Amino acid sequence: MRKYLVIVAICLFVLGPVAKILSWNHADVFMIASFAGLGIITTMAFVKKK
């Protein structure tokens, strides 16, 4: 489960800048999703595995 959550977080983190570069509609929403992905990655870095 943890591995899949990290994969989703990385995809979200990369999607924001890609949306801005490609000038997609509503790119700001993708940037907010990118910040959410960054938050998930940061949280996973500080939460210890059981």
PDB file of N, CA and C in Angstrom:
ATOM      1  N   MET A   1       0.823  -1.195   0.000  1.00  0.00           N
ATOM      2  CA  MET A   1       0.000   0.000   0.000  1.00  0.00           C
ATOM      3  C   MET A   1       0.869   1.261   0.000  1.00  0.00           C
ATOM      4  N   ARG A   2       1.919   1.214   0.803  1.00  0.00           N
ATOM      5  CA  ARG A   2       2.808   2.367   0.916  1.00  0.00           C
ATOM      6  C   ARG A   2       3.500   2.663  -0.419  1.00  0.00           C
ATOM      7  N   LYS A   3       3.885   1.589  -1.112  1.00  0.00           N
ATOM      8  CA  LYS A   3       4.576   1.757  -2.389  1.00  0.00           C
ATOM      9  C   LYS A   3       3.660   2.429  -3.413  1.00  0.00           C
ATOM     10  N   TYR A   4       2.401   2.027  -3.454  1.00  0.00           N
ATOM     11  CA  TYR A   4       1.456   2.607  -4.401  1.00  0.00           C
ATOM     12  C   TYR A   4       1.154   4.067  -4.077  1.00  0.00           C
ATOM     13  N   LEU A   5       1.093   4.380  -2.794  1.00  0.00           N
ATOM     14  CA  LEU A   5       0.854   5.760  -2.384  1.00  0.00           C
ATOM     15  C   LEU A   5       2.019   6.657  -2.790  1.00  0.00           C
ATOM     16  N   VAL A   6       3.234   6.163  -2.681  1.00  0.00           N
ATOM     17  CA  VAL A   6       4.408   6.926  -3.108  1.00  0.00           C
ATOM     18  C   VAL A   6       4.383   7.129  -4.623  1.00  0.00           C
ATOM     19  N   ILE A   7       3.981   6.115  -5.371  1.00  0.00           N
ATOM     20  CA  ILE A   7       3.908   6.237  -6.833  1.00  0.00           C
ATOM     21  C   ILE A   7       2.879   7.289  -7.228  1.00  0.00           C
ATOM     22  N   VAL A   8       1.709   7.274  -6.585  1.00  0.00           N
ATOM     23  CA  VAL A   8       0.679   8.276  -6.868  1.00  0.00           C
ATOM     24  C   VAL A   8       1.172   9.671  -6.496  1.00  0.00           C
ATOM     25  N   ALA A   9       1.862   9.791  -5.374  1.00  0.00           N
ATOM     26  CA  ALA A   9       2.369  11.091  -4.941  1.00  0.00           C
ATOM     27  C   ALA A   9       3.395  11.639  -5.935  1.00  0.00           C
ATOM     28  N   ILE A  10       4.262  10.791  -6.432  1.00  0.00           N
ATOM     29  CA  ILE A  10       5.268  11.242  -7.412  1.00  0.00           C
ATOM     30  C   ILE A  10       4.591  11.662  -8.710  1.00  0.00           C
ATOM     31  N   CYS A  11       3.577  10.910  -9.135  1.00  0.00           N
ATOM     32  CA  CYS A  11       2.845  11.289 -10.356  1.00  0.00           C
ATOM     33  C   CYS A  11       2.165  12.644 -10.181  1.00  0.00           C
ATOM     34  N   LEU A  12       1.545  12.877  -9.023  1.00  0.00           N
ATOM     35  CA  LEU A  12       0.923  14.172  -8.758  1.00  0.00           C
ATOM     36  C   LEU A  12       1.966  15.284  -8.747  1.00  0.00           C
ATOM     37  N   PHE A  13       3.112  15.009  -8.138  1.00  0.00           N
ATOM     38  CA  PHE A  13       4.167  16.010  -8.023  1.00  0.00           C
ATOM     39  C   PHE A  13       4.701  16.416  -9.394  1.00  0.00           C
ATOM     40  N   VAL A  14       4.797  15.473 -10.314  1.00  0.00           N
ATOM     41  CA  VAL A  14       5.320  15.748 -11.650  1.00  0.00           C
ATOM     42  C   VAL A  14       4.252  16.378 -12.546  1.00  0.00           C
ATOM     43  N   LEU A  15       2.999  16.044 -12.318  1.00  0.00           N
ATOM     44  CA  LEU A  15       1.913  16.489 -13.189  1.00  0.00           C
ATOM     45  C   LEU A  15       1.732  18.008 -13.195  1.00  0.00           C
ATOM     46  N   GLY A  16       1.926  18.662 -12.064  1.00  0.00           N
ATOM     47  CA  GLY A  16       1.732  20.113 -11.984  1.00  0.00           C
ATOM     48  C   GLY A  16       2.635  20.902 -12.920  1.00  0.00           C
ATOM     49  N   PRO A  17       3.961  20.734 -12.812  1.00  0.00           N
ATOM     50  CA  PRO A  17       4.852  21.460 -13.724  1.00  0.00           C
ATOM     51  C   PRO A  17       4.647  21.095 -15.196  1.00  0.00           C
ATOM     52  N   VAL A  18       4.315  19.839 -15.472  1.00  0.00           N
ATOM     53  CA  VAL A  18       4.062  19.424 -16.859  1.00  0.00           C
ATOM     54  C   VAL A  18       2.852  20.168 -17.408  1.00  0.00           C
ATOM     55  N   ALA A  19       1.819  20.309 -16.586  1.00  0.00           N
ATOM     56  CA  ALA A  19       0.616  21.029 -17.019  1.00  0.00           C
ATOM     57  C   ALA A  19       0.926  22.490 -17.309  1.00  0.00           C
ATOM     58  N   LYS A  20       1.784  23.101 -16.489  1.00  0.00           N
ATOM     59  CA  LYS A  20       2.161  24.497 -16.731  1.00  0.00           C
ATOM     60  C   LYS A  20       2.972  24.631 -18.013  1.00  0.00           C
ATOM     61  N   ILE A  21       3.923  23.726 -18.229  1.00  0.00           N
ATOM     62  CA  ILE A  21       4.778  23.798 -19.412  1.00  0.00           C
ATOM     63  C   ILE A  21       3.964  23.602 -20.692  1.00  0.00           C
ATOM     64  N   LEU A  22       3.010  22.664 -20.655  1.00  0.00           N
ATOM     65  CA  LEU A  22       2.217  22.371 -21.838  1.00  0.00           C
ATOM     66  C   LEU A  22       1.002  23.286 -21.979  1.00  0.00           C
ATOM     67  N   SER A  23       0.829  24.212 -21.050  1.00  0.00           N
ATOM     68  CA  SER A  23      -0.278  25.189 -21.063  1.00  0.00           C
ATOM     69  C   SER A  23      -1.640  24.518 -21.137  1.00  0.00           C
ATOM     70  N   TRP A  24      -1.841  23.518 -20.290  1.00  0.00           N
ATOM     71  CA  TRP A  24      -3.141  22.864 -20.216  1.00  0.00           C
ATOM     72  C   TRP A  24      -4.154  23.796 -19.592  1.00  0.00           C
ATOM     73  N   ASN A  25      -5.439  23.586 -19.906  1.00  0.00           N
ATOM     74  CA  ASN A  25      -6.496  24.347 -19.240  1.00  0.00           C
ATOM     75  C   ASN A  25      -6.508  23.990 -17.757  1.00  0.00           C
ATOM     76  N   HIS A  26      -6.777  24.979 -16.931  1.00  0.00           N
ATOM     77  CA  HIS A  26      -6.840  24.792 -15.473  1.00  0.00           C
ATOM     78  C   HIS A  26      -5.525  24.249 -14.926  1.00  0.00           C
ATOM     79  N   ALA A  27      -4.412  24.752 -15.400  1.00  0.00           N
ATOM     80  CA  ALA A  27      -3.105  24.282 -14.941  1.00  0.00           C
ATOM     81  C   ALA A  27      -2.881  24.601 -13.465  1.00  0.00           C
ATOM     82  N   ASP A  28      -3.568  25.626 -12.960  1.00  0.00           N
ATOM     83  CA  ASP A  28      -3.416  25.962 -11.545  1.00  0.00           C
ATOM     84  C   ASP A  28      -3.952  24.855 -10.648  1.00  0.00           C
ATOM     85  N   VAL A  29      -4.993  24.184 -11.084  1.00  0.00           N
ATOM     86  CA  VAL A  29      -5.529  23.055 -10.319  1.00  0.00           C
ATOM     87  C   VAL A  29      -4.501  21.931 -10.260  1.00  0.00           C
ATOM     88  N   PHE A  30      -3.807  21.720 -11.367  1.00  0.00           N
ATOM     89  CA  PHE A  30      -2.763  20.693 -11.379  1.00  0.00           C
ATOM     90  C   PHE A  30      -1.598  21.085 -10.474  1.00  0.00           C
ATOM     91  N   MET A  31      -1.317  22.380 -10.359  1.00  0.00           N
ATOM     92  CA  MET A  31      -0.260  22.820  -9.446  1.00  0.00           C
ATOM     93  C   MET A  31      -0.658  22.569  -7.996  1.00  0.00           C
ATOM     94  N   ILE A  32      -1.930  22.755  -7.669  1.00  0.00           N
ATOM     95  CA  ILE A  32      -2.402  22.446  -6.314  1.00  0.00           C
ATOM     96  C   ILE A  32      -2.265  20.945  -6.049  1.00  0.00           C
ATOM     97  N   ALA A  33      -2.583  20.125  -7.038  1.00  0.00           N
ATOM     98  CA  ALA A  33      -2.401  18.676  -6.903  1.00  0.00           C
ATOM     99  C   ALA A  33      -0.930  18.332  -6.736  1.00  0.00           C
ATOM    100  N   SER A  34      -0.061  19.104  -7.384  1.00  0.00           N
ATOM    101  CA  SER A  34       1.373  18.895  -7.254  1.00  0.00           C
ATOM    102  C   SER A  34       1.831  19.171  -5.823  1.00  0.00           C
ATOM    103  N   PHE A  35       1.291  20.226  -5.218  1.00  0.00           N
ATOM    104  CA  PHE A  35       1.627  20.513  -3.824  1.00  0.00           C
ATOM    105  C   PHE A  35       1.091  19.430  -2.896  1.00  0.00           C
ATOM    106  N   ALA A  36      -0.074  18.868  -3.226  1.00  0.00           N
ATOM    107  CA  ALA A  36      -0.614  17.753  -2.436  1.00  0.00           C
ATOM    108  C   ALA A  36       0.315  16.542  -2.540  1.00  0.00           C
ATOM    109  N   GLY A  37       0.820  16.285  -3.736  1.00  0.00           N
ATOM    110  CA  GLY A  37       1.774  15.191  -3.921  1.00  0.00           C
ATOM    111  C   GLY A  37       3.044  15.413  -3.131  1.00  0.00           C
ATOM    112  N   LEU A  38       3.518  16.651  -3.105  1.00  0.00           N
ATOM    113  CA  LEU A  38       4.705  16.974  -2.317  1.00  0.00           C
ATOM    114  C   LEU A  38       4.446  16.746  -0.837  1.00  0.00           C
ATOM    115  N   GLY A  39       3.246  17.098  -0.389  1.00  0.00           N
ATOM    116  CA  GLY A  39       2.891  16.870   1.017  1.00  0.00           C
ATOM    117  C   GLY A  39       2.859  15.392   1.364  1.00  0.00           C
ATOM    118  N   ILE A  40       2.336  14.586   0.456  1.00  0.00           N
ATOM    119  CA  ILE A  40       2.298  13.144   0.692  1.00  0.00           C
ATOM    120  C   ILE A  40       3.708  12.566   0.743  1.00  0.00           C
ATOM    121  N   ILE A  41       4.562  13.007  -0.181  1.00  0.00           N
ATOM    122  CA  ILE A  41       5.951  12.522  -0.200  1.00  0.00           C
ATOM    123  C   ILE A  41       6.657  12.903   1.095  1.00  0.00           C
ATOM    124  N   THR A  42       6.465  14.137   1.545  1.00  0.00           N
ATOM    125  CA  THR A  42       7.098  14.594   2.782  1.00  0.00           C
ATOM    126  C   THR A  42       6.582  13.806   3.977  1.00  0.00           C
ATOM    127  N   THR A  43       5.280  13.577   4.027  1.00  0.00           N
ATOM    128  CA  THR A  43       4.707  12.806   5.128  1.00  0.00           C
ATOM    129  C   THR A  43       5.247  11.379   5.140  1.00  0.00           C
ATOM    130  N   MET A  44       5.339  10.768   3.975  1.00  0.00           N
ATOM    131  CA  MET A  44       5.842   9.408   3.912  1.00  0.00           C
ATOM    132  C   MET A  44       7.315   9.335   4.316  1.00  0.00           C
ATOM    133  N   ALA A  45       8.057  10.404   4.119  1.00  0.00           N
ATOM    134  CA  ALA A  45       9.462  10.405   4.499  1.00  0.00           C
ATOM    135  C   ALA A  45       9.631  10.412   6.017  1.00  0.00           C
ATOM    136  N   PHE A  46       8.687  11.039   6.730  1.00  0.00           N
ATOM    137  CA  PHE A  46       8.822  11.162   8.173  1.00  0.00           C
ATOM    138  C   PHE A  46       8.052  10.109   8.953  1.00  0.00           C
ATOM    139  N   VAL A  47       7.152   9.377   8.303  1.00  0.00           N
ATOM    140  CA  VAL A  47       6.412   8.313   8.987  1.00  0.00           C
ATOM    141  C   VAL A  47       7.212   7.024   8.869  1.00  0.00           C
ATOM    142  N   LYS A  48       7.457   6.407  10.004  1.00  0.00           N
ATOM    143  CA  LYS A  48       8.247   5.184   9.993  1.00  0.00           C
ATOM    144  C   LYS A  48       7.413   3.989   9.556  1.00  0.00           C
ATOM    145  N   LYS A  49       8.058   3.063   8.883  1.00  0.00           N
ATOM    146  CA  LYS A  49       7.386   1.815   8.508  1.00  0.00           C
ATOM    147  C   LYS A  49       7.200   0.970   9.760  1.00  0.00           C
ATOM    148  N   LYS A  50       6.145   0.166   9.718  1.00  0.00           N
ATOM    149  CA  LYS A  50       5.920  -0.736  10.861  1.00  0.00           C
ATOM    150  C   LYS A  50       6.680  -2.017  10.665  1.00  0.00           C
TER     151      LYS A  50
END
